[in-house]
Amino acid sequence: MSEVRTFFRFCPACGKRFHIRLVGKKLEGERTEQAMIKQDRGSVYGSAGMGGTGSTVPVIVEENIPLTIDVKDFQYSYKCKHCGHVWTEMHEEEEKI
């Protein structure tokens, strides 16, 4: 890991809100998920009645669009600057392709 970030969090051991250092980030898994989303493609004007009254009503046209999501699972290692306790947490990062 090229940089060590410091920020404020609560330590699970001592419970103090103190400087927490991110000391490691490790890729645990990677997967690709597929999903379908509905996306508006525009509006079309249709006839309001069968009698031909001349009034039009906007109709929204929707289309199913495939969406690919790249999911990466990371294990973060933290260290409390107050008591020295070290622990890990799992985080998930998603990127739409």
N, C-alpha and C. Protein backbone atom coordinates (compact mmCIF):
# COMPACT_ATOMS: atom_id res chain seq x y z
N MET A 1 0.85 -1.17 0.00
CA MET A 1 0.00 0.00 0.00
C MET A 1 0.89 1.22 0.00
N SER A 2 0.70 2.11 -0.94
CA SER A 2 1.60 3.23 -1.12
C SER A 2 1.37 4.36 -0.13
N GLU A 3 0.16 4.50 0.36
CA GLU A 3 -0.10 5.58 1.30
C GLU A 3 -0.81 5.05 2.53
N VAL A 4 -0.58 5.69 3.65
CA VAL A 4 -1.26 5.33 4.89
C VAL A 4 -2.15 6.51 5.24
N ARG A 5 -3.44 6.26 5.30
CA ARG A 5 -4.39 7.33 5.60
C ARG A 5 -4.75 7.30 7.07
N THR A 6 -4.92 8.49 7.65
CA THR A 6 -5.33 8.64 9.04
C THR A 6 -6.65 9.40 9.07
N PHE A 7 -7.60 8.91 9.87
CA PHE A 7 -8.88 9.57 10.02
C PHE A 7 -9.46 9.21 11.37
N PHE A 8 -10.60 9.80 11.71
CA PHE A 8 -11.22 9.57 13.02
C PHE A 8 -12.28 8.49 12.92
N ARG A 9 -12.20 7.52 13.81
CA ARG A 9 -13.19 6.45 13.96
C ARG A 9 -13.22 6.05 15.42
N PHE A 10 -14.15 5.18 15.78
CA PHE A 10 -14.19 4.63 17.13
C PHE A 10 -13.47 3.29 17.13
N CYS A 11 -12.55 3.11 18.05
CA CYS A 11 -11.81 1.85 18.19
C CYS A 11 -12.72 0.83 18.87
N PRO A 12 -12.83 -0.41 18.34
CA PRO A 12 -13.68 -1.42 18.98
C PRO A 12 -13.10 -1.94 20.30
N ALA A 13 -11.81 -1.72 20.56
CA ALA A 13 -11.20 -2.23 21.80
C ALA A 13 -11.34 -1.20 22.93
N CYS A 14 -10.86 0.01 22.70
CA CYS A 14 -10.88 1.00 23.78
C CYS A 14 -12.10 1.92 23.71
N GLY A 15 -12.79 1.95 22.57
CA GLY A 15 -14.01 2.75 22.44
C GLY A 15 -13.77 4.23 22.26
N LYS A 16 -12.53 4.66 22.20
CA LYS A 16 -12.24 6.08 22.06
C LYS A 16 -12.32 6.49 20.60
N ARG A 17 -12.76 7.72 20.43
CA ARG A 17 -12.74 8.31 19.09
C ARG A 17 -11.37 8.92 18.94
N PHE A 18 -10.54 8.24 18.16
CA PHE A 18 -9.14 8.63 18.10
C PHE A 18 -8.66 8.45 16.69
N HIS A 19 -7.41 8.77 16.46
CA HIS A 19 -6.83 8.58 15.14
C HIS A 19 -6.77 7.09 14.83
N ILE A 20 -7.35 6.71 13.71
CA ILE A 20 -7.31 5.34 13.23
C ILE A 20 -6.48 5.36 11.95
N ARG A 21 -5.55 4.46 11.84
CA ARG A 21 -4.71 4.40 10.65
C ARG A 21 -5.08 3.20 9.80
N LEU A 22 -5.28 3.43 8.51
CA LEU A 22 -5.48 2.35 7.57
C LEU A 22 -4.10 1.83 7.21
N VAL A 23 -3.78 0.61 7.66
CA VAL A 23 -2.43 0.08 7.47
C VAL A 23 -2.37 -0.96 6.36
N GLY A 24 -3.50 -1.42 5.84
CA GLY A 24 -3.47 -2.40 4.78
C GLY A 24 -4.79 -2.51 4.04
N LYS A 25 -4.71 -2.80 2.75
CA LYS A 25 -5.90 -3.00 1.92
C LYS A 25 -5.59 -4.18 1.00
N LYS A 26 -6.39 -5.25 1.11
CA LYS A 26 -6.12 -6.47 0.36
C LYS A 26 -7.36 -6.89 -0.41
N LEU A 27 -7.20 -7.18 -1.70
CA LEU A 27 -8.31 -7.64 -2.53
C LEU A 27 -8.64 -9.08 -2.15
N GLU A 28 -9.88 -9.31 -1.73
CA GLU A 28 -10.32 -10.64 -1.30
C GLU A 28 -11.09 -11.37 -2.40
N GLY A 29 -11.79 -10.64 -3.22
CA GLY A 29 -12.58 -11.29 -4.26
C GLY A 29 -13.07 -10.28 -5.28
N GLU A 30 -13.38 -10.78 -6.46
CA GLU A 30 -13.87 -9.92 -7.52
C GLU A 30 -14.92 -10.70 -8.30
N ARG A 31 -16.03 -10.03 -8.60
CA ARG A 31 -17.09 -10.69 -9.35
C ARG A 31 -17.81 -9.65 -10.21
N THR A 32 -18.51 -10.15 -11.20
CA THR A 32 -19.29 -9.30 -12.10
C THR A 32 -20.75 -9.71 -11.98
N GLU A 33 -21.62 -8.73 -11.80
CA GLU A 33 -23.04 -8.98 -11.68
C GLU A 33 -23.78 -8.32 -12.84
N GLN A 34 -24.84 -8.97 -13.29
CA GLN A 34 -25.68 -8.44 -14.35
C GLN A 34 -27.02 -8.01 -13.77
N ALA A 35 -27.54 -6.89 -14.22
CA ALA A 35 -28.84 -6.42 -13.77
C ALA A 35 -29.55 -5.75 -14.94
N MET A 36 -30.86 -5.71 -14.88
CA MET A 36 -31.65 -5.02 -15.89
C MET A 36 -32.29 -3.81 -15.25
N ILE A 37 -32.14 -2.66 -15.87
CA ILE A 37 -32.77 -1.45 -15.36
C ILE A 37 -33.72 -0.91 -16.42
N LYS A 38 -34.75 -0.24 -15.96
CA LYS A 38 -35.68 0.39 -16.88
C LYS A 38 -35.23 1.83 -17.10
N GLN A 39 -35.14 2.19 -18.36
CA GLN A 39 -34.70 3.54 -18.69
C GLN A 39 -35.72 4.16 -19.62
N ASP A 40 -36.08 5.41 -19.34
CA ASP A 40 -37.02 6.13 -20.20
C ASP A 40 -36.35 6.43 -21.53
N ARG A 41 -37.02 6.12 -22.60
CA ARG A 41 -36.49 6.36 -23.93
C ARG A 41 -37.16 7.55 -24.59
N GLY A 42 -38.03 8.22 -23.90
CA GLY A 42 -38.72 9.37 -24.48
C GLY A 42 -40.21 9.22 -24.32
N SER A 43 -40.92 10.15 -24.89
CA SER A 43 -42.37 10.09 -24.79
C SER A 43 -42.96 10.13 -26.20
N VAL A 44 -44.07 9.44 -26.31
CA VAL A 44 -44.81 9.37 -27.56
C VAL A 44 -46.21 9.86 -27.26
N TYR A 45 -46.80 10.58 -28.18
CA TYR A 45 -48.15 11.08 -27.96
C TYR A 45 -49.15 10.15 -28.62
N GLY A 46 -50.11 9.70 -27.80
CA GLY A 46 -51.14 8.80 -28.30
C GLY A 46 -52.50 9.46 -28.22
N SER A 47 -53.47 8.89 -28.85
CA SER A 47 -54.82 9.42 -28.86
C SER A 47 -55.50 9.13 -27.52
N ALA A 48 -56.25 10.11 -27.01
CA ALA A 48 -56.89 9.97 -25.71
C ALA A 48 -58.16 9.14 -25.77
N GLY A 49 -58.82 9.13 -26.87
CA GLY A 49 -60.09 8.40 -26.94
C GLY A 49 -60.28 7.73 -28.28
N MET A 50 -61.27 6.89 -28.35
CA MET A 50 -61.54 6.18 -29.59
C MET A 50 -62.34 7.05 -30.55
N GLY A 51 -63.01 8.06 -30.04
CA GLY A 51 -63.87 8.87 -30.88
C GLY A 51 -63.11 9.91 -31.70
N GLY A 52 -61.81 10.00 -31.53
CA GLY A 52 -61.05 10.95 -32.33
C GLY A 52 -61.28 12.38 -31.88
N THR A 53 -61.25 12.63 -30.58
CA THR A 53 -61.52 13.96 -30.05
C THR A 53 -60.39 14.94 -30.34
N GLY A 54 -59.27 14.44 -30.74
CA GLY A 54 -58.17 15.33 -31.10
C GLY A 54 -57.20 15.59 -29.97
N SER A 55 -57.56 15.20 -28.74
CA SER A 55 -56.63 15.43 -27.63
C SER A 55 -55.60 14.31 -27.59
N THR A 56 -54.39 14.65 -27.17
CA THR A 56 -53.32 13.65 -27.10
C THR A 56 -52.82 13.55 -25.67
N VAL A 57 -52.35 12.37 -25.32
CA VAL A 57 -51.83 12.09 -23.99
C VAL A 57 -50.40 11.59 -24.14
N PRO A 58 -49.45 12.17 -23.39
CA PRO A 58 -48.08 11.66 -23.50
C PRO A 58 -47.96 10.27 -22.88
N VAL A 59 -47.26 9.38 -23.56
CA VAL A 59 -47.02 8.03 -23.10
C VAL A 59 -45.52 7.84 -22.97
N ILE A 60 -45.06 7.45 -21.78
CA ILE A 60 -43.64 7.23 -21.54
C ILE A 60 -43.26 5.84 -22.06
N VAL A 61 -42.23 5.79 -22.88
CA VAL A 61 -41.75 4.52 -23.40
C VAL A 61 -40.52 4.12 -22.58
N GLU A 62 -40.58 2.93 -21.98
CA GLU A 62 -39.47 2.42 -21.17
C GLU A 62 -38.87 1.21 -21.87
N GLU A 63 -37.58 1.05 -21.65
CA GLU A 63 -36.87 -0.08 -22.24
C GLU A 63 -35.96 -0.68 -21.20
N ASN A 64 -35.87 -2.02 -21.17
CA ASN A 64 -34.95 -2.69 -20.26
C ASN A 64 -33.54 -2.62 -20.83
N ILE A 65 -32.62 -2.07 -20.05
CA ILE A 65 -31.23 -1.91 -20.46
C ILE A 65 -30.38 -2.81 -19.57
N PRO A 66 -29.51 -3.65 -20.17
CA PRO A 66 -28.62 -4.47 -19.33
C PRO A 66 -27.54 -3.61 -18.70
N LEU A 67 -27.24 -3.89 -17.45
CA LEU A 67 -26.23 -3.15 -16.70
C LEU A 67 -25.26 -4.15 -16.10
N THR A 68 -23.97 -3.91 -16.28
CA THR A 68 -22.94 -4.77 -15.72
C THR A 68 -22.27 -4.03 -14.57
N ILE A 69 -22.16 -4.69 -13.42
CA ILE A 69 -21.56 -4.09 -12.23
C ILE A 69 -20.36 -4.93 -11.83
N ASP A 70 -19.21 -4.28 -11.72
CA ASP A 70 -17.97 -4.93 -11.29
C ASP A 70 -17.85 -4.72 -9.78
N VAL A 71 -17.88 -5.81 -9.01
CA VAL A 71 -17.86 -5.75 -7.55
C VAL A 71 -16.53 -6.30 -7.05
N LYS A 72 -15.85 -5.52 -6.20
CA LYS A 72 -14.59 -5.96 -5.61
C LYS A 72 -14.73 -5.93 -4.09
N ASP A 73 -14.32 -7.03 -3.45
CA ASP A 73 -14.35 -7.13 -1.99
C ASP A 73 -12.93 -6.90 -1.47
N PHE A 74 -12.80 -5.93 -0.55
CA PHE A 74 -11.50 -5.61 0.03
C PHE A 74 -11.51 -5.86 1.53
N GLN A 75 -10.37 -6.29 2.06
CA GLN A 75 -10.19 -6.41 3.49
C GLN A 75 -9.27 -5.27 3.92
N TYR A 76 -9.80 -4.38 4.76
CA TYR A 76 -9.05 -3.24 5.26
C TYR A 76 -8.51 -3.57 6.65
N SER A 77 -7.26 -3.24 6.92
CA SER A 77 -6.66 -3.42 8.24
C SER A 77 -6.47 -2.05 8.87
N TYR A 78 -6.93 -1.90 10.12
CA TYR A 78 -6.85 -0.64 10.84
C TYR A 78 -6.03 -0.81 12.11
N LYS A 79 -5.47 0.30 12.59
CA LYS A 79 -4.74 0.30 13.85
C LYS A 79 -5.07 1.57 14.62
N CYS A 80 -5.44 1.40 15.88
CA CYS A 80 -5.76 2.53 16.74
C CYS A 80 -4.47 3.15 17.25
N LYS A 81 -4.34 4.47 17.09
CA LYS A 81 -3.14 5.14 17.56
C LYS A 81 -3.13 5.31 19.08
N HIS A 82 -4.29 5.12 19.73
CA HIS A 82 -4.37 5.29 21.18
C HIS A 82 -3.92 4.02 21.92
N CYS A 83 -4.54 2.87 21.59
CA CYS A 83 -4.24 1.65 22.34
C CYS A 83 -3.45 0.62 21.53
N GLY A 84 -3.30 0.84 20.22
CA GLY A 84 -2.53 -0.07 19.38
C GLY A 84 -3.30 -1.27 18.87
N HIS A 85 -4.59 -1.34 19.17
CA HIS A 85 -5.42 -2.47 18.72
C HIS A 85 -5.47 -2.50 17.19
N VAL A 86 -5.35 -3.69 16.60
CA VAL A 86 -5.40 -3.88 15.15
C VAL A 86 -6.61 -4.75 14.83
N TRP A 87 -7.41 -4.37 13.84
CA TRP A 87 -8.55 -5.15 13.43
C TRP A 87 -8.76 -5.00 11.93
N THR A 88 -9.60 -5.88 11.36
CA THR A 88 -9.88 -5.85 9.93
C THR A 88 -11.38 -5.73 9.71
N GLU A 89 -11.74 -5.14 8.58
CA GLU A 89 -13.13 -5.00 8.17
C GLU A 89 -13.21 -5.29 6.68
N MET A 90 -14.34 -5.85 6.25
CA MET A 90 -14.58 -6.10 4.84
C MET A 90 -15.38 -4.95 4.25
N HIS A 91 -14.96 -4.50 3.08
CA HIS A 91 -15.67 -3.42 2.35
C HIS A 91 -15.88 -3.87 0.92
N GLU A 92 -16.97 -3.41 0.34
CA GLU A 92 -17.31 -3.77 -1.02
C GLU A 92 -17.33 -2.50 -1.86
N GLU A 93 -16.67 -2.53 -3.02
CA GLU A 93 -16.67 -1.40 -3.94
C GLU A 93 -17.33 -1.84 -5.23
N GLU A 94 -18.28 -1.03 -5.70
CA GLU A 94 -19.01 -1.33 -6.93
C GLU A 94 -18.70 -0.30 -7.99
N GLU A 95 -18.56 -0.77 -9.23
CA GLU A 95 -18.32 0.13 -10.34
C GLU A 95 -19.22 -0.29 -11.49
N LYS A 96 -19.99 0.65 -12.00
CA LYS A 96 -20.89 0.36 -13.13
C LYS A 96 -20.08 0.44 -14.41
N ILE A 97 -20.23 -0.59 -15.22
CA ILE A 97 -19.48 -0.64 -16.49
C ILE A 97 -20.42 -0.31 -17.63
